Amino acid sequence: MAQLLVVTPDASDPAAPVSLPGLALLAHTMRICLPDADALTAASRVDAVVIDARTDLAAARTVCRLFVAAGNSVPLLLVLSEGGFVAIRPDWGVDDIVCDTAGPAEFEARLRLLLERTEESSVLATGPLTIDENGYHAAVNGRPLDLTYTEFELLKYLAQHPGRVFSREQLLSDVWGYDYYGGTRTVDVHVRRLRAKLGVEFESLIGTVRNVGYRFSPEGIPRADE
């Protein structure tokens, strides 16, 4: 039985049942929420996200793009009315789509395939770094890294976006979450700890971009002065 997050405009009443008949009949545990930034935080604790785009395509597109921008690895299943299929583009970043008239058997099959594909691709290998997202295990050049939860999430997030520069504010928002009230120096502290655990040979995997933030490079880049 999977843990599902159902993102829908109908979530104004969290206690209300899921309004998708084909989905509501399944035995999975379901939590519903509105299509807003809070869905990103909720998605970190589920196996798959079902996005209800039947009545508000614009809101569904926005939340899909939020997931993509955040580097979220949870699979996304988009539910559409028949007329909504013409609006879908690759930049939505969804893993599969299904018509709202689909029955329980089709919903179950699509979810099963999504979850199986996710399990198969849970290991991220980039340069000398290997990250097992499901097992919360990371290694550099075959050497296991003893990381805290937040260190692991930060390293994984940077490694999922090689070459992209993130400001400290972005990292606080995307890794620590919107409800975190600490200062940006927290990011610097965690980066220093990560570099120390990567060791002198591999600390340059996390580079400093002066006056901007940090980026991950599988080839390693010279560190600028902070």
Protein backbone atom coordinates (compact mmCIF):
# COMPACT_ATOMS: atom_id res chain seq x y z
CA MET A 1 0.00 0.00 0.00
CA ALA A 2 1.44 3.35 -1.06
CA GLN A 3 1.32 6.78 0.54
CA LEU A 4 -0.24 9.21 -1.94
CA LEU A 5 -0.52 12.99 -1.95
CA VAL A 6 -3.54 14.21 -3.92
CA VAL A 7 -3.10 17.85 -4.98
CA THR A 8 -6.49 19.29 -5.86
CA PRO A 9 -8.47 22.55 -5.70
CA ASP A 10 -11.09 20.52 -3.80
CA ALA A 11 -8.74 20.27 -0.79
CA SER A 12 -10.25 23.29 0.97
CA ASP A 13 -11.72 20.72 3.37
CA PRO A 14 -8.84 18.35 4.28
CA ALA A 15 -11.31 15.92 5.83
CA ALA A 16 -13.29 15.53 2.63
CA PRO A 17 -12.88 12.30 0.64
CA VAL A 18 -10.91 12.28 -2.60
CA SER A 19 -13.26 13.43 -5.35
CA LEU A 20 -11.78 11.17 -8.06
CA PRO A 21 -13.93 8.02 -8.14
CA GLY A 22 -11.32 5.82 -9.81
CA LEU A 23 -8.74 6.82 -7.20
CA ALA A 24 -10.96 6.92 -4.12
CA LEU A 25 -11.74 3.20 -4.39
CA LEU A 26 -8.09 2.18 -4.04
CA ALA A 27 -6.64 0.94 -0.75
CA HIS A 28 -3.74 3.40 -0.65
CA THR A 29 -3.32 5.95 2.14
CA MET A 30 -4.20 9.37 0.75
CA ARG A 31 -3.60 12.90 1.93
CA ILE A 32 -5.06 15.86 0.06
CA CYS A 33 -3.77 19.41 -0.21
CA LEU A 34 -4.22 22.52 -2.31
CA PRO A 35 -2.07 23.18 -5.43
CA ASP A 36 0.32 25.61 -3.74
CA ALA A 37 3.85 25.71 -2.36
CA ASP A 38 2.84 23.68 0.71
CA ALA A 39 2.48 20.66 -1.58
CA LEU A 40 6.28 20.55 -1.94
CA THR A 41 6.76 20.02 1.78
CA ALA A 42 3.99 17.43 1.97
CA ALA A 43 5.43 15.50 -1.00
CA SER A 44 8.63 14.68 0.88
CA ARG A 45 6.69 12.13 2.94
CA VAL A 46 4.80 10.23 0.20
CA ASP A 47 5.49 7.66 -2.52
CA ALA A 48 3.67 9.44 -5.36
CA VAL A 49 1.79 12.67 -6.07
CA VAL A 50 -1.52 12.77 -7.94
CA ILE A 51 -2.28 16.22 -9.34
CA ASP A 52 -5.91 16.96 -10.14
CA ALA A 53 -5.95 19.27 -13.19
CA ARG A 54 -9.59 18.80 -14.16
CA THR A 55 -10.86 22.24 -13.20
CA ASP A 56 -7.78 24.48 -13.01
CA LEU A 57 -5.09 23.74 -15.57
CA ALA A 58 -3.13 26.89 -14.74
CA ALA A 59 -2.82 25.99 -11.05
CA ALA A 60 -1.86 22.41 -11.93
CA ARG A 61 0.82 23.62 -14.34
CA THR A 62 2.24 25.97 -11.71
CA VAL A 63 2.51 23.29 -9.04
CA CYS A 64 4.03 20.82 -11.53
CA ARG A 65 6.71 23.37 -12.39
CA LEU A 66 7.34 23.98 -8.70
CA PHE A 67 8.07 20.27 -8.28
CA VAL A 68 10.44 20.32 -11.26
CA ALA A 69 12.26 23.45 -10.05
CA ALA A 70 12.68 21.95 -6.59
CA GLY A 71 14.23 18.79 -8.04
CA ASN A 72 11.60 16.65 -6.36
CA SER A 73 12.06 12.98 -7.23
CA VAL A 74 8.57 11.82 -6.22
CA PRO A 75 6.67 10.62 -9.33
CA LEU A 76 3.84 12.87 -10.57
CA LEU A 77 0.60 11.49 -12.02
CA LEU A 78 -1.57 14.15 -13.67
CA VAL A 79 -5.34 13.67 -13.87
CA LEU A 80 -7.09 15.50 -16.72
CA SER A 81 -10.50 15.81 -18.26
CA GLU A 82 -10.52 14.81 -21.92
CA GLY A 83 -10.36 18.44 -23.10
CA GLY A 84 -7.28 19.16 -20.98
CA PHE A 85 -4.94 16.83 -22.86
CA VAL A 86 -4.24 19.45 -25.54
CA ALA A 87 -2.63 21.76 -22.94
CA ILE A 88 0.08 19.36 -21.73
CA ARG A 89 3.68 20.20 -22.62
CA PRO A 90 7.01 18.54 -21.71
CA ASP A 91 7.95 21.41 -19.40
CA TRP A 92 5.18 20.35 -17.00
CA GLY A 93 7.55 17.61 -15.90
CA VAL A 94 4.90 14.97 -15.12
CA ASP A 95 5.72 11.26 -15.23
CA ASP A 96 2.33 10.05 -16.50
CA ILE A 97 -1.17 11.30 -17.27
CA VAL A 98 -4.57 9.69 -16.91
CA CYS A 99 -8.11 10.66 -17.88
CA ASP A 100 -10.49 11.42 -15.00
CA THR A 101 -12.93 8.82 -16.33
CA ALA A 102 -10.39 6.00 -15.76
CA GLY A 103 -11.50 3.24 -13.43
CA PRO A 104 -9.72 1.93 -10.31
CA ALA A 105 -7.85 -0.76 -12.27
CA GLU A 106 -6.22 1.79 -14.61
CA PHE A 107 -5.31 4.13 -11.76
CA GLU A 108 -3.78 1.23 -9.86
CA ALA A 109 -1.79 0.05 -12.89
CA ARG A 110 -0.39 3.49 -13.63
CA LEU A 111 0.58 4.06 -10.01
CA ARG A 112 2.23 0.65 -9.80
CA LEU A 113 4.33 1.31 -12.91
CA LEU A 114 5.35 4.74 -11.63
CA LEU A 115 6.44 3.35 -8.28
CA GLU A 116 8.36 0.48 -9.85
CA ARG A 117 10.22 2.85 -12.18
CA THR A 118 11.05 5.09 -9.22
CA GLU A 119 12.49 2.19 -7.24
CA GLU A 120 14.64 1.15 -10.19
CA SER A 121 16.02 4.68 -10.66
CA SER A 122 16.53 5.59 -7.01
CA VAL A 123 20.33 5.57 -7.30
CA LEU A 124 21.88 8.80 -8.54
CA ALA A 125 25.43 8.48 -9.85
CA THR A 126 27.26 11.66 -10.86
CA GLY A 127 31.03 11.79 -11.17
CA PRO A 128 32.60 10.02 -8.16
CA LEU A 129 29.45 10.49 -6.08
CA THR A 130 26.74 7.85 -5.68
CA ILE A 131 23.48 8.60 -3.85
CA ASP A 132 20.85 5.99 -2.98
CA GLU A 133 17.74 8.09 -2.40
CA ASN A 134 15.63 5.26 -1.00
CA GLY A 135 18.32 3.89 1.28
CA TYR A 136 19.58 7.31 2.39
CA HIS A 137 23.11 6.26 1.60
CA ALA A 138 25.83 8.24 -0.15
CA ALA A 139 29.38 7.34 -1.14
CA VAL A 140 32.23 9.13 -2.87
CA ASN A 141 34.59 7.00 -4.95
CA GLY A 142 33.11 3.98 -3.15
CA ARG A 143 33.76 5.40 0.33
CA PRO A 144 30.55 5.67 2.43
CA LEU A 145 29.73 9.14 3.76
CA ASP A 146 28.42 9.47 7.31
CA LEU A 147 25.83 12.22 6.76
CA THR A 148 23.07 13.70 8.86
CA TYR A 149 19.59 13.87 7.34
CA THR A 150 19.97 17.52 6.32
CA GLU A 151 23.49 17.01 4.97
CA PHE A 152 22.20 14.13 2.85
CA GLU A 153 19.26 16.18 1.54
CA LEU A 154 21.51 19.13 0.71
CA LEU A 155 24.06 16.99 -1.10
CA LYS A 156 21.32 15.14 -3.00
CA TYR A 157 19.63 18.38 -4.02
CA LEU A 158 22.85 19.92 -5.34
CA ALA A 159 23.83 16.69 -7.13
CA GLN A 160 20.43 16.54 -8.84
CA HIS A 161 21.20 19.90 -10.50
CA PRO A 162 24.84 19.71 -11.63
CA GLY A 163 26.25 23.05 -12.75
CA ARG A 164 23.29 25.07 -11.50
CA VAL A 165 24.06 27.87 -9.04
CA PHE A 166 21.80 28.16 -6.00
CA SER A 167 21.69 31.13 -3.65
CA ARG A 168 21.67 30.46 0.07
CA GLU A 169 18.07 31.68 0.20
CA GLN A 170 17.04 29.17 -2.49
CA LEU A 171 18.70 26.31 -0.65
CA LEU A 172 17.05 27.27 2.63
CA SER A 173 13.68 27.31 0.93
CA ASP A 174 14.08 24.12 -1.10
CA VAL A 175 16.05 21.92 1.31
CA TRP A 176 15.12 23.18 4.76
CA GLY A 177 11.55 24.10 3.77
CA TYR A 178 9.33 27.15 3.76
CA ASP A 179 8.70 26.91 7.50
CA TYR A 180 12.40 27.15 8.44
CA TYR A 181 13.30 30.42 10.16
CA GLY A 182 17.06 30.09 10.54
CA GLY A 183 19.56 32.37 8.80
CA THR A 184 21.49 31.73 5.61
CA ARG A 185 24.68 30.99 7.56
CA THR A 186 23.09 27.62 8.29
CA VAL A 187 23.72 26.74 4.63
CA ASP A 188 27.39 27.73 4.90
CA VAL A 189 27.85 25.57 7.99
CA HIS A 190 26.32 22.52 6.29
CA VAL A 191 28.40 23.05 3.14
CA ARG A 192 31.59 23.18 5.23
CA ARG A 193 30.61 19.95 6.95
CA LEU A 194 29.85 18.28 3.63
CA ARG A 195 33.20 19.32 2.20
CA ALA A 196 34.98 18.00 5.26
CA LYS A 197 33.24 14.63 4.87
CA LEU A 198 33.92 14.51 1.14
CA GLY A 199 37.58 14.98 1.95
CA VAL A 200 40.31 17.10 0.39
CA GLU A 201 40.26 15.13 -2.87
CA PHE A 202 36.54 15.65 -3.49
CA GLU A 203 35.60 18.81 -1.58
CA SER A 204 35.65 20.77 -4.86
CA LEU A 205 32.52 18.88 -5.97
CA ILE A 206 30.69 21.68 -4.14
CA GLY A 207 31.93 24.99 -5.47
CA THR A 208 31.37 28.49 -4.16
CA VAL A 209 30.24 31.14 -6.62
CA ARG A 210 31.35 34.40 -5.07
CA ASN A 211 28.51 36.66 -3.89
CA VAL A 212 25.91 34.21 -5.24
CA GLY A 213 25.90 30.77 -3.61
CA TYR A 214 26.88 27.18 -4.35
CA ARG A 215 26.89 24.72 -7.22
CA PHE A 216 27.70 21.05 -7.72
CA SER A 217 30.09 19.96 -10.44
CA PRO A 218 30.81 16.26 -11.03
CA GLU A 219 34.24 17.16 -12.42
CA GLY A 220 35.09 19.36 -9.47
CA ILE A 221 35.68 23.10 -9.75
CA PRO A 222 38.08 25.41 -7.90
CA ARG A 223 36.63 26.80 -4.69
CA ALA A 224 36.37 30.55 -4.48
CA ASP A 225 36.95 32.36 -1.21
CA GLU A 226 33.73 32.66 0.75
